[in-house]
N, C-alpha and C. Protein backbone atom coordinates (compact mmCIF):
# COMPACT_ATOMS: atom_id res chain seq x y z
N UNK A 1 117.85 -67.40 7.25
CA UNK A 1 118.58 -66.72 8.30
C UNK A 1 119.88 -67.47 8.56
N UNK A 2 120.96 -66.74 8.76
CA UNK A 2 122.27 -67.35 9.02
C UNK A 2 122.35 -67.86 10.45
N UNK A 3 122.98 -69.01 10.62
CA UNK A 3 123.24 -69.44 12.00
C UNK A 3 124.16 -68.44 12.68
N UNK A 4 123.98 -68.25 13.96
CA UNK A 4 124.74 -67.25 14.71
C UNK A 4 126.24 -67.49 14.62
N UNK A 5 126.67 -68.70 14.63
CA UNK A 5 128.09 -69.04 14.58
C UNK A 5 128.73 -68.49 13.30
N UNK A 6 128.07 -68.61 12.17
CA UNK A 6 128.61 -68.11 10.90
C UNK A 6 128.60 -66.59 10.88
N UNK A 7 127.57 -65.98 11.39
CA UNK A 7 127.48 -64.53 11.43
C UNK A 7 128.63 -63.94 12.25
N UNK A 8 128.94 -64.50 13.39
CA UNK A 8 130.04 -64.01 14.21
C UNK A 8 131.37 -64.16 13.49
N UNK A 9 131.55 -65.23 12.75
CA UNK A 9 132.77 -65.44 11.99
C UNK A 9 132.93 -64.37 10.92
N UNK A 10 131.87 -64.03 10.23
CA UNK A 10 131.91 -63.00 9.19
C UNK A 10 132.26 -61.65 9.80
N UNK A 11 131.68 -61.30 10.92
CA UNK A 11 131.98 -60.04 11.58
C UNK A 11 133.44 -60.01 12.02
N UNK A 12 133.96 -61.09 12.53
CA UNK A 12 135.36 -61.14 12.96
C UNK A 12 136.31 -60.93 11.79
N UNK A 13 135.97 -61.44 10.62
CA UNK A 13 136.84 -61.27 9.46
C UNK A 13 136.80 -59.86 8.89
N UNK A 14 135.74 -59.13 9.14
CA UNK A 14 135.62 -57.81 8.54
C UNK A 14 136.55 -56.79 9.18
N UNK A 15 137.08 -57.06 10.35
CA UNK A 15 138.06 -56.18 10.97
C UNK A 15 137.42 -54.96 11.59
N UNK A 16 138.27 -53.96 11.95
CA UNK A 16 137.75 -52.76 12.61
C UNK A 16 136.81 -52.00 11.69
N UNK A 17 135.92 -51.24 12.30
CA UNK A 17 134.93 -50.53 11.51
C UNK A 17 135.45 -49.20 10.96
N UNK A 18 136.61 -48.72 11.44
CA UNK A 18 137.12 -47.45 10.93
C UNK A 18 137.74 -47.66 9.55
N UNK A 19 137.63 -46.64 8.72
CA UNK A 19 138.16 -46.71 7.37
C UNK A 19 139.44 -45.87 7.33
N UNK A 20 140.54 -46.45 6.88
CA UNK A 20 141.78 -45.70 6.81
C UNK A 20 141.90 -45.04 5.45
N UNK A 21 142.44 -43.83 5.46
CA UNK A 21 142.63 -43.10 4.20
C UNK A 21 143.83 -43.69 3.48
N UNK A 22 143.68 -43.86 2.18
CA UNK A 22 144.76 -44.40 1.38
C UNK A 22 145.14 -43.38 0.33
N UNK A 23 146.43 -43.32 0.04
CA UNK A 23 146.90 -42.42 -1.00
C UNK A 23 146.40 -42.90 -2.36
N UNK A 24 146.13 -41.96 -3.22
CA UNK A 24 145.62 -42.28 -4.55
C UNK A 24 146.70 -42.02 -5.60
N UNK A 25 146.59 -42.73 -6.70
CA UNK A 25 147.41 -42.47 -7.89
C UNK A 25 146.51 -41.73 -8.87
N UNK A 26 146.94 -40.56 -9.29
CA UNK A 26 146.15 -39.72 -10.18
C UNK A 26 146.94 -39.53 -11.47
N UNK A 27 146.32 -39.87 -12.58
CA UNK A 27 147.00 -39.80 -13.87
C UNK A 27 146.56 -38.57 -14.66
N UNK A 28 147.56 -37.87 -15.19
CA UNK A 28 147.32 -36.74 -16.08
C UNK A 28 147.98 -37.09 -17.40
N UNK A 29 147.20 -37.05 -18.45
CA UNK A 29 147.72 -37.39 -19.78
C UNK A 29 148.15 -36.13 -20.51
N UNK A 30 149.26 -36.23 -21.20
CA UNK A 30 149.70 -35.15 -22.09
C UNK A 30 149.53 -35.67 -23.51
N UNK A 31 148.67 -34.99 -24.27
CA UNK A 31 148.38 -35.41 -25.63
C UNK A 31 148.07 -34.17 -26.46
N UNK A 32 148.78 -34.01 -27.55
CA UNK A 32 148.59 -32.86 -28.45
C UNK A 32 148.77 -31.54 -27.71
N UNK A 33 149.83 -31.48 -26.89
CA UNK A 33 150.22 -30.26 -26.19
C UNK A 33 149.18 -29.79 -25.17
N UNK A 34 148.48 -30.76 -24.53
CA UNK A 34 147.47 -30.43 -23.53
C UNK A 34 147.60 -31.39 -22.36
N UNK A 35 147.54 -30.83 -21.13
CA UNK A 35 147.42 -31.66 -19.93
C UNK A 35 145.94 -31.99 -19.75
N UNK A 36 145.61 -33.25 -19.57
CA UNK A 36 144.21 -33.63 -19.38
C UNK A 36 144.09 -34.65 -18.24
N UNK A 37 143.34 -34.30 -17.20
CA UNK A 37 142.64 -33.05 -17.00
C UNK A 37 143.61 -31.93 -16.64
N UNK A 38 143.23 -30.71 -16.96
CA UNK A 38 144.09 -29.55 -16.69
C UNK A 38 144.03 -29.16 -15.22
N UNK A 39 142.91 -29.42 -14.56
CA UNK A 39 142.77 -29.11 -13.14
C UNK A 39 142.48 -30.39 -12.37
N UNK A 40 143.27 -30.61 -11.33
CA UNK A 40 143.17 -31.84 -10.54
C UNK A 40 143.11 -31.49 -9.06
N UNK A 41 142.21 -32.14 -8.34
CA UNK A 41 142.16 -32.05 -6.88
C UNK A 41 142.74 -33.33 -6.32
N UNK A 42 143.61 -33.17 -5.33
CA UNK A 42 144.29 -34.32 -4.74
C UNK A 42 144.52 -34.05 -3.26
N UNK A 43 145.15 -35.01 -2.58
CA UNK A 43 145.47 -34.88 -1.17
C UNK A 43 146.96 -35.10 -0.96
N UNK A 44 147.47 -34.55 0.13
CA UNK A 44 148.87 -34.80 0.50
C UNK A 44 149.06 -36.32 0.59
N UNK A 45 150.12 -36.81 -0.01
CA UNK A 45 150.40 -38.25 -0.04
C UNK A 45 150.00 -38.91 -1.34
N UNK A 46 149.11 -38.28 -2.10
CA UNK A 46 148.73 -38.82 -3.41
C UNK A 46 149.90 -38.71 -4.38
N UNK A 47 149.89 -39.54 -5.39
CA UNK A 47 150.92 -39.51 -6.43
C UNK A 47 150.29 -39.05 -7.74
N UNK A 48 150.92 -38.05 -8.34
CA UNK A 48 150.52 -37.60 -9.67
C UNK A 48 151.43 -38.30 -10.67
N UNK A 49 150.85 -38.86 -11.71
CA UNK A 49 151.62 -39.47 -12.78
C UNK A 49 151.23 -38.79 -14.10
N UNK A 50 152.21 -38.13 -14.70
CA UNK A 50 152.00 -37.54 -16.02
C UNK A 50 152.41 -38.57 -17.07
N UNK A 51 151.54 -38.82 -18.02
CA UNK A 51 151.80 -39.77 -19.10
C UNK A 51 151.88 -38.97 -20.40
N UNK A 52 153.06 -38.90 -20.98
CA UNK A 52 153.27 -38.13 -22.20
C UNK A 52 153.03 -39.01 -23.41
N UNK A 53 151.95 -38.73 -24.13
CA UNK A 53 151.63 -39.49 -25.35
C UNK A 53 152.13 -38.78 -26.60
N UNK A 54 152.74 -37.62 -26.42
CA UNK A 54 153.27 -36.86 -27.56
C UNK A 54 154.64 -37.39 -27.97
N UNK A 55 155.03 -37.04 -29.20
CA UNK A 55 156.36 -37.38 -29.70
C UNK A 55 157.39 -36.31 -29.32
N UNK A 56 156.96 -35.35 -28.49
CA UNK A 56 157.81 -34.26 -28.01
C UNK A 56 158.03 -34.39 -26.51
N UNK A 57 159.17 -33.90 -26.02
CA UNK A 57 159.41 -33.85 -24.58
C UNK A 57 158.60 -32.69 -23.99
N UNK A 58 158.19 -32.87 -22.74
CA UNK A 58 157.47 -31.84 -22.01
C UNK A 58 158.01 -31.79 -20.59
N UNK A 59 157.61 -30.76 -19.85
CA UNK A 59 157.86 -30.70 -18.41
C UNK A 59 156.55 -30.43 -17.71
N UNK A 60 156.55 -30.69 -16.43
CA UNK A 60 155.50 -30.22 -15.52
C UNK A 60 156.27 -29.41 -14.49
N UNK A 61 156.29 -28.11 -14.66
CA UNK A 61 157.12 -27.22 -13.86
C UNK A 61 156.22 -26.33 -12.99
N UNK A 62 156.37 -26.43 -11.68
CA UNK A 62 155.55 -25.63 -10.76
C UNK A 62 155.93 -24.16 -10.87
N UNK A 63 154.92 -23.30 -10.92
CA UNK A 63 155.18 -21.85 -10.97
C UNK A 63 155.93 -21.37 -9.74
N UNK A 64 155.73 -22.04 -8.59
CA UNK A 64 156.40 -21.64 -7.36
C UNK A 64 157.76 -22.33 -7.18
N UNK A 65 158.23 -23.01 -8.21
CA UNK A 65 159.54 -23.69 -8.21
C UNK A 65 159.65 -24.86 -7.23
N UNK A 66 158.51 -25.40 -6.75
CA UNK A 66 158.55 -26.55 -5.84
C UNK A 66 159.02 -27.82 -6.53
N UNK A 67 158.71 -27.98 -7.82
CA UNK A 67 159.11 -29.18 -8.55
C UNK A 67 159.16 -28.89 -10.03
N UNK A 68 159.93 -29.73 -10.71
CA UNK A 68 160.12 -29.61 -12.15
C UNK A 68 160.34 -31.01 -12.70
N UNK A 69 159.32 -31.57 -13.30
CA UNK A 69 159.40 -32.95 -13.80
C UNK A 69 159.63 -32.93 -15.31
N UNK A 70 160.67 -33.60 -15.75
CA UNK A 70 160.96 -33.77 -17.18
C UNK A 70 160.24 -35.03 -17.65
N UNK A 71 159.50 -34.93 -18.76
CA UNK A 71 158.73 -36.07 -19.26
C UNK A 71 159.06 -36.25 -20.73
N UNK A 72 159.87 -37.23 -21.02
CA UNK A 72 160.29 -37.50 -22.39
C UNK A 72 159.15 -37.99 -23.26
N UNK A 73 159.36 -38.03 -24.57
CA UNK A 73 158.33 -38.53 -25.49
C UNK A 73 157.93 -39.96 -25.12
N UNK A 74 156.64 -40.21 -25.03
CA UNK A 74 156.10 -41.54 -24.70
C UNK A 74 156.65 -42.09 -23.39
N UNK A 75 156.89 -41.20 -22.42
CA UNK A 75 157.39 -41.58 -21.10
C UNK A 75 156.44 -41.07 -20.03
N UNK A 76 156.74 -41.41 -18.77
CA UNK A 76 155.95 -40.94 -17.63
C UNK A 76 156.86 -40.30 -16.60
N UNK A 77 156.27 -39.49 -15.74
CA UNK A 77 156.96 -38.92 -14.58
C UNK A 77 155.98 -38.95 -13.42
N UNK A 78 156.52 -39.15 -12.20
CA UNK A 78 155.67 -39.26 -11.01
C UNK A 78 156.12 -38.27 -9.96
N UNK A 79 155.15 -37.79 -9.20
CA UNK A 79 155.40 -36.84 -8.12
C UNK A 79 154.48 -37.17 -6.96
N UNK A 80 155.06 -37.36 -5.77
CA UNK A 80 154.27 -37.56 -4.56
C UNK A 80 154.04 -36.19 -3.94
N UNK A 81 152.79 -35.86 -3.68
CA UNK A 81 152.43 -34.56 -3.15
C UNK A 81 152.72 -34.50 -1.66
N UNK A 82 153.47 -33.47 -1.23
CA UNK A 82 153.90 -33.39 0.16
C UNK A 82 153.35 -32.20 0.92
N UNK A 83 152.76 -31.21 0.20
CA UNK A 83 152.24 -30.01 0.87
C UNK A 83 150.88 -29.63 0.31
N UNK A 84 149.99 -29.14 1.19
CA UNK A 84 148.71 -28.66 0.69
C UNK A 84 148.84 -27.31 0.01
N UNK A 85 147.87 -26.98 -0.81
CA UNK A 85 147.82 -25.68 -1.46
C UNK A 85 147.49 -25.82 -2.93
N UNK A 86 147.38 -24.68 -3.59
CA UNK A 86 147.14 -24.65 -5.03
C UNK A 86 148.47 -24.39 -5.73
N UNK A 87 148.76 -25.20 -6.73
CA UNK A 87 150.00 -25.03 -7.49
C UNK A 87 149.65 -25.02 -8.98
N UNK A 88 149.97 -23.92 -9.62
CA UNK A 88 149.86 -23.85 -11.07
C UNK A 88 151.16 -24.37 -11.65
N UNK A 89 151.07 -25.05 -12.79
CA UNK A 89 152.28 -25.55 -13.44
C UNK A 89 152.15 -25.40 -14.95
N UNK A 90 153.27 -25.56 -15.64
CA UNK A 90 153.32 -25.36 -17.09
C UNK A 90 154.44 -26.19 -17.67
N UNK A 91 154.52 -26.22 -18.99
CA UNK A 91 155.62 -26.87 -19.69
C UNK A 91 156.63 -25.79 -20.09
N UNK A 92 157.88 -25.97 -19.68
CA UNK A 92 158.92 -24.99 -20.04
C UNK A 92 159.14 -24.90 -21.54
N UNK A 93 158.93 -26.00 -22.26
CA UNK A 93 159.14 -26.00 -23.71
C UNK A 93 157.94 -25.44 -24.47
N UNK A 94 156.76 -25.53 -23.86
CA UNK A 94 155.51 -25.10 -24.50
C UNK A 94 154.70 -24.33 -23.45
N UNK A 95 155.04 -23.06 -23.21
CA UNK A 95 154.45 -22.30 -22.10
C UNK A 95 152.93 -22.13 -22.15
N UNK A 96 152.31 -22.40 -23.29
CA UNK A 96 150.85 -22.35 -23.34
C UNK A 96 150.20 -23.57 -22.69
N UNK A 97 150.98 -24.61 -22.43
CA UNK A 97 150.48 -25.79 -21.71
C UNK A 97 150.45 -25.45 -20.23
N UNK A 98 149.25 -25.49 -19.64
CA UNK A 98 149.13 -25.11 -18.23
C UNK A 98 148.21 -26.08 -17.51
N UNK A 99 148.50 -26.25 -16.22
CA UNK A 99 147.67 -27.09 -15.37
C UNK A 99 147.63 -26.53 -13.96
N UNK A 100 146.76 -27.10 -13.13
CA UNK A 100 146.65 -26.68 -11.74
C UNK A 100 146.36 -27.89 -10.87
N UNK A 101 147.12 -27.97 -9.77
CA UNK A 101 146.88 -28.99 -8.74
C UNK A 101 146.34 -28.28 -7.50
N UNK A 102 145.24 -28.76 -6.97
CA UNK A 102 144.72 -28.28 -5.70
C UNK A 102 144.89 -29.42 -4.72
N UNK A 103 145.75 -29.21 -3.72
CA UNK A 103 146.14 -30.28 -2.81
C UNK A 103 145.60 -29.98 -1.41
N UNK A 104 144.79 -30.88 -0.88
CA UNK A 104 144.23 -30.76 0.46
C UNK A 104 145.01 -31.65 1.42
N UNK A 105 144.86 -31.37 2.71
CA UNK A 105 145.51 -32.21 3.74
C UNK A 105 144.92 -33.59 3.77
């Protein structure tokens, strides 16, 4: 059994009991003309990072025109999510490449 003095010290170091929400970094890989994963759930404040492993340039272009990220060969692009909702996106150069972000508050 721990002496009471040590137990109180451990509790004091643990801080408040509430857990604060932290923004997440979510990675989407582009490889062989495919976004993977193609469907992602995220929250407002999260950052999406597209990693292009192809030797071709791609985009991540929102169907609703909210954003358009250019991603060069072997490069990355980042987007901080600012609004909730579902957003479908595609590559302007390769329109068969499609993805979907579902963003919650």
